[in-house]
């Protein structure tokens, strides 16, 4: 269990989750439909703000920090890949929970590469934020960094895009809030998320076809053997 810190962060079992929007500035540089929708006195922002349905990524972003302990490492003294994958899923799930305020399940993880080892005694830092939401699913980008406690050096070691589906009380997929991109980087990620989703669904369909064909063949062979 965790407790809310005085700074607004969430503390739990040696981890600190940054509070939504901590250390960031929210941009309000959104286009406005001028004319009938605009206030004649120029006070259009409150009206435009009401018309935007959804949440910004800064409202749910997460930063997790852990010390890599001996029980997290392999015989070479580096953090286990499975431990990194576990933390990526945890960080992404917290973002998805915050954005949807529903129970979420992991349905997909894009390619995950380990570019640099993280040594025992170093810090592992995970920064996660939602990039785009669809009908019942959302994509979360998670970047992993190491920090050397003696030198202060930080280096990115991994990154992944994780897809989650939100569920209602009956375990059925439920509609999720839209994502409102604000910065140029967020808008770029928002556009690319749709392309990644298309590729992801195509790859999943190919994999599933191969898997079920093999299962069907094995079943037929077993029936012939009997």
Protein backbone atom coordinates (compact mmCIF):
# COMPACT_ATOMS: atom_id res chain seq x y z
CA UNK A 1 0.00 0.00 0.00
CA UNK A 2 1.11 3.58 -0.50
CA UNK A 3 0.52 6.97 1.01
CA UNK A 4 0.15 10.39 -0.53
CA UNK A 5 3.19 12.55 0.12
CA UNK A 6 3.09 16.22 1.01
CA UNK A 7 4.42 17.05 -2.47
CA UNK A 8 1.54 15.26 -4.11
CA UNK A 9 3.53 12.17 -5.11
CA UNK A 10 2.68 8.59 -4.34
CA UNK A 11 5.10 6.60 -2.19
CA UNK A 12 5.05 2.82 -2.22
CA UNK A 13 7.59 0.12 -1.28
CA UNK A 14 10.68 2.10 -2.13
CA UNK A 15 9.20 3.70 -5.26
CA UNK A 16 8.06 7.25 -5.88
CA UNK A 17 5.42 7.96 -8.48
CA UNK A 18 5.46 11.58 -9.63
CA UNK A 19 2.20 13.37 -9.23
CA UNK A 20 0.34 14.19 -12.46
CA UNK A 21 1.85 17.22 -14.15
CA UNK A 22 4.71 17.50 -11.66
CA UNK A 23 7.53 19.59 -13.03
CA UNK A 24 5.79 20.21 -16.33
CA UNK A 25 4.05 23.14 -17.98
CA UNK A 26 0.76 22.62 -19.76
CA UNK A 27 0.49 24.50 -23.01
CA UNK A 28 -2.77 26.06 -24.04
CA UNK A 29 -1.77 26.61 -27.66
CA UNK A 30 -4.87 25.07 -29.24
CA UNK A 31 -6.64 26.43 -32.33
CA UNK A 32 -10.02 28.03 -31.85
CA UNK A 33 -13.00 28.03 -34.16
CA UNK A 34 -13.55 31.76 -34.52
CA UNK A 35 -16.91 33.26 -35.34
CA UNK A 36 -20.04 32.01 -33.62
CA UNK A 37 -18.03 29.81 -31.23
CA UNK A 38 -15.80 32.67 -30.10
CA UNK A 39 -16.68 35.08 -27.35
CA UNK A 40 -17.13 38.57 -28.79
CA UNK A 41 -15.14 40.01 -25.88
CA UNK A 42 -12.14 37.82 -26.73
CA UNK A 43 -12.61 35.56 -23.69
CA UNK A 44 -12.72 32.38 -25.80
CA UNK A 45 -10.46 30.11 -23.70
CA UNK A 46 -13.05 29.01 -21.07
CA UNK A 47 -15.49 28.14 -23.87
CA UNK A 48 -12.84 26.24 -25.83
CA UNK A 49 -11.71 24.42 -22.71
CA UNK A 50 -15.23 23.18 -22.06
CA UNK A 51 -15.49 21.86 -25.61
CA UNK A 52 -12.34 19.72 -25.30
CA UNK A 53 -13.42 16.29 -24.12
CA UNK A 54 -10.64 14.12 -22.80
CA UNK A 55 -7.50 14.35 -20.71
CA UNK A 56 -3.95 15.52 -21.31
CA UNK A 57 -1.04 13.11 -20.96
CA UNK A 58 0.42 15.27 -18.19
CA UNK A 59 -2.56 14.39 -15.98
CA UNK A 60 -1.55 10.73 -15.81
CA UNK A 61 2.20 10.60 -16.49
CA UNK A 62 4.37 8.61 -14.12
CA UNK A 63 8.00 8.48 -13.08
CA UNK A 64 9.19 5.45 -11.10
CA UNK A 65 12.61 5.09 -9.50
CA UNK A 66 14.13 1.99 -7.93
CA UNK A 67 17.57 0.91 -6.76
CA UNK A 68 18.72 -2.27 -8.51
CA UNK A 69 19.31 -4.73 -5.67
CA UNK A 70 21.29 -8.01 -5.76
CA UNK A 71 18.11 -10.10 -5.97
CA UNK A 72 17.16 -8.16 -9.14
CA UNK A 73 20.39 -9.10 -10.94
CA UNK A 74 21.81 -11.94 -13.01
CA UNK A 75 25.21 -13.66 -12.51
CA UNK A 76 26.87 -10.85 -14.50
CA UNK A 77 25.68 -8.22 -12.02
CA UNK A 78 23.12 -6.65 -14.37
CA UNK A 79 19.39 -6.27 -13.81
CA UNK A 80 17.31 -9.15 -15.15
CA UNK A 81 15.45 -8.46 -18.38
CA UNK A 82 12.31 -9.91 -16.85
CA UNK A 83 12.52 -7.44 -13.98
CA UNK A 84 12.73 -4.54 -16.46
CA UNK A 85 9.71 -5.89 -18.35
CA UNK A 86 7.77 -6.19 -15.09
CA UNK A 87 8.52 -2.58 -14.13
CA UNK A 88 7.60 -1.35 -17.62
CA UNK A 89 4.21 -3.03 -17.29
CA UNK A 90 3.68 -1.60 -13.79
CA UNK A 91 4.56 1.97 -14.86
CA UNK A 92 2.37 1.72 -17.96
CA UNK A 93 -0.55 0.26 -16.02
CA UNK A 94 -0.48 3.10 -13.49
CA UNK A 95 -0.71 5.61 -16.35
CA UNK A 96 -3.61 3.66 -17.87
CA UNK A 97 -5.39 3.49 -14.50
CA UNK A 98 -5.01 7.24 -13.99
CA UNK A 99 -6.22 8.09 -17.47
CA UNK A 100 -9.24 5.75 -17.53
CA UNK A 101 -10.05 5.35 -13.82
CA UNK A 102 -10.92 1.75 -14.65
CA UNK A 103 -9.28 -1.62 -14.18
CA UNK A 104 -6.95 -2.24 -17.14
CA UNK A 105 -5.34 -5.33 -18.64
CA UNK A 106 -2.21 -5.54 -20.78
CA UNK A 107 -2.89 -6.77 -24.32
CA UNK A 108 0.27 -5.94 -26.26
CA UNK A 109 3.89 -4.85 -25.90
CA UNK A 110 5.82 -3.60 -28.93
CA UNK A 111 9.42 -4.56 -29.62
CA UNK A 112 11.59 -4.24 -26.53
CA UNK A 113 15.37 -3.94 -26.84
CA UNK A 114 17.93 -3.71 -24.05
CA UNK A 115 20.53 -1.23 -25.33
CA UNK A 116 22.63 -0.89 -22.18
CA UNK A 117 22.88 -2.98 -19.00
CA UNK A 118 21.82 -1.51 -15.66
CA UNK A 119 24.21 -2.61 -12.94
CA UNK A 120 23.37 -3.66 -9.41
CA UNK A 121 23.54 -0.54 -7.23
CA UNK A 122 22.46 1.82 -10.00
CA UNK A 123 19.04 3.41 -10.30
CA UNK A 124 16.46 2.31 -12.83
CA UNK A 125 14.13 5.16 -13.86
CA UNK A 126 10.92 4.63 -15.81
CA UNK A 127 9.01 7.51 -17.39
CA UNK A 128 5.61 6.65 -18.80
CA UNK A 129 2.82 8.64 -20.44
CA UNK A 130 -0.23 7.95 -22.57
CA UNK A 131 0.18 8.79 -26.26
CA UNK A 132 -3.30 8.11 -27.64
CA UNK A 133 -6.59 6.49 -26.67
CA UNK A 134 -8.90 4.63 -29.01
CA UNK A 135 -12.36 3.26 -28.20
CA UNK A 136 -11.60 0.90 -25.31
CA UNK A 137 -7.81 0.75 -25.53
CA UNK A 138 -4.93 3.16 -25.06
CA UNK A 139 -1.23 3.21 -25.89
CA UNK A 140 1.33 4.10 -23.24
CA UNK A 141 4.96 4.96 -24.04
CA UNK A 142 7.48 3.85 -21.43
CA UNK A 143 11.14 4.90 -21.50
CA UNK A 144 13.73 3.30 -19.22
CA UNK A 145 16.89 5.02 -17.99
CA UNK A 146 19.81 4.17 -15.74
CA UNK A 147 21.37 6.59 -13.30
CA UNK A 148 24.77 6.11 -11.74
CA UNK A 149 24.57 7.24 -8.13
CA UNK A 150 28.26 8.18 -7.98
CA UNK A 151 28.53 10.20 -11.19
CA UNK A 152 24.90 11.27 -11.74
CA UNK A 153 25.09 10.06 -15.35
CA UNK A 154 21.75 9.12 -16.91
CA UNK A 155 21.37 7.02 -20.05
CA UNK A 156 18.32 5.61 -21.81
CA UNK A 157 18.43 1.82 -21.88
CA UNK A 158 15.04 0.70 -23.24
CA UNK A 159 11.72 1.89 -24.56
CA UNK A 160 8.40 0.24 -25.31
CA UNK A 161 4.83 0.98 -26.30
CA UNK A 162 2.31 -0.94 -24.19
CA UNK A 163 -1.37 -1.29 -25.06
CA UNK A 164 -4.01 -1.65 -22.36
CA UNK A 165 -7.76 -2.26 -22.48
CA UNK A 166 -10.05 -0.77 -19.81
CA UNK A 167 -12.69 -3.01 -18.24
CA UNK A 168 -15.90 -2.28 -16.36
CA UNK A 169 -17.12 -3.99 -13.18
CA UNK A 170 -18.34 -6.99 -15.23
CA UNK A 171 -14.98 -7.41 -16.96
CA UNK A 172 -16.21 -6.03 -20.28
CA UNK A 173 -14.27 -3.46 -22.36
CA UNK A 174 -15.40 0.08 -21.63
CA UNK A 175 -14.97 3.34 -23.53
CA UNK A 176 -11.97 5.40 -22.42
CA UNK A 177 -11.38 9.19 -22.42
CA UNK A 178 -9.64 10.71 -25.42
CA UNK A 179 -6.11 12.06 -25.18
CA UNK A 180 -5.62 15.79 -25.79
CA UNK A 181 -2.09 16.32 -27.17
CA UNK A 182 -0.65 19.73 -26.36
CA UNK A 183 3.06 20.01 -27.12
CA UNK A 184 4.54 19.45 -30.60
CA UNK A 185 6.12 16.22 -29.34
CA UNK A 186 2.78 14.96 -27.99
CA UNK A 187 1.03 15.79 -31.27
CA UNK A 188 3.72 13.89 -33.19
CA UNK A 189 3.37 10.86 -30.92
CA UNK A 190 -0.41 11.10 -31.21
CA UNK A 191 -0.27 10.89 -35.01
CA UNK A 192 2.26 8.07 -35.05
CA UNK A 193 0.24 6.06 -32.50
CA UNK A 194 -2.43 5.43 -35.13
CA UNK A 195 0.19 4.06 -37.55
CA UNK A 196 1.66 1.85 -34.83
CA UNK A 197 -1.80 0.55 -33.99
CA UNK A 198 -2.45 -0.45 -37.60
CA UNK A 199 0.88 -2.28 -37.82
CA UNK A 200 0.25 -3.89 -34.44
CA UNK A 201 -3.17 -5.23 -35.46
CA UNK A 202 -1.82 -6.53 -38.78
CA UNK A 203 1.07 -8.31 -37.06
CA UNK A 204 -1.27 -9.78 -34.44
CA UNK A 205 -3.63 -11.08 -37.14
CA UNK A 206 -0.74 -12.81 -38.95
CA UNK A 207 0.53 -14.34 -35.72
CA UNK A 208 -2.91 -15.57 -34.71
CA UNK A 209 -3.50 -17.16 -38.12
CA UNK A 210 -0.24 -19.06 -37.92
CA UNK A 211 -0.90 -20.12 -34.34
CA UNK A 212 -4.41 -21.45 -34.95
CA UNK A 213 -3.38 -23.21 -38.16
CA UNK A 214 -0.68 -25.06 -36.26
CA UNK A 215 -3.13 -25.99 -33.53
CA UNK A 216 -5.60 -27.27 -36.10
CA UNK A 217 -2.90 -29.34 -37.81
CA UNK A 218 -1.78 -30.86 -34.53
CA UNK A 219 -5.37 -31.74 -33.64
CA UNK A 220 -5.91 -33.42 -37.03
CA UNK A 221 -2.69 -35.40 -36.68
CA UNK A 222 -3.63 -36.58 -33.20
CA UNK A 223 -7.04 -37.73 -34.46
CA UNK A 224 -5.38 -39.72 -37.26
CA UNK A 225 -2.99 -41.31 -34.76
CA UNK A 226 -5.92 -42.38 -32.59
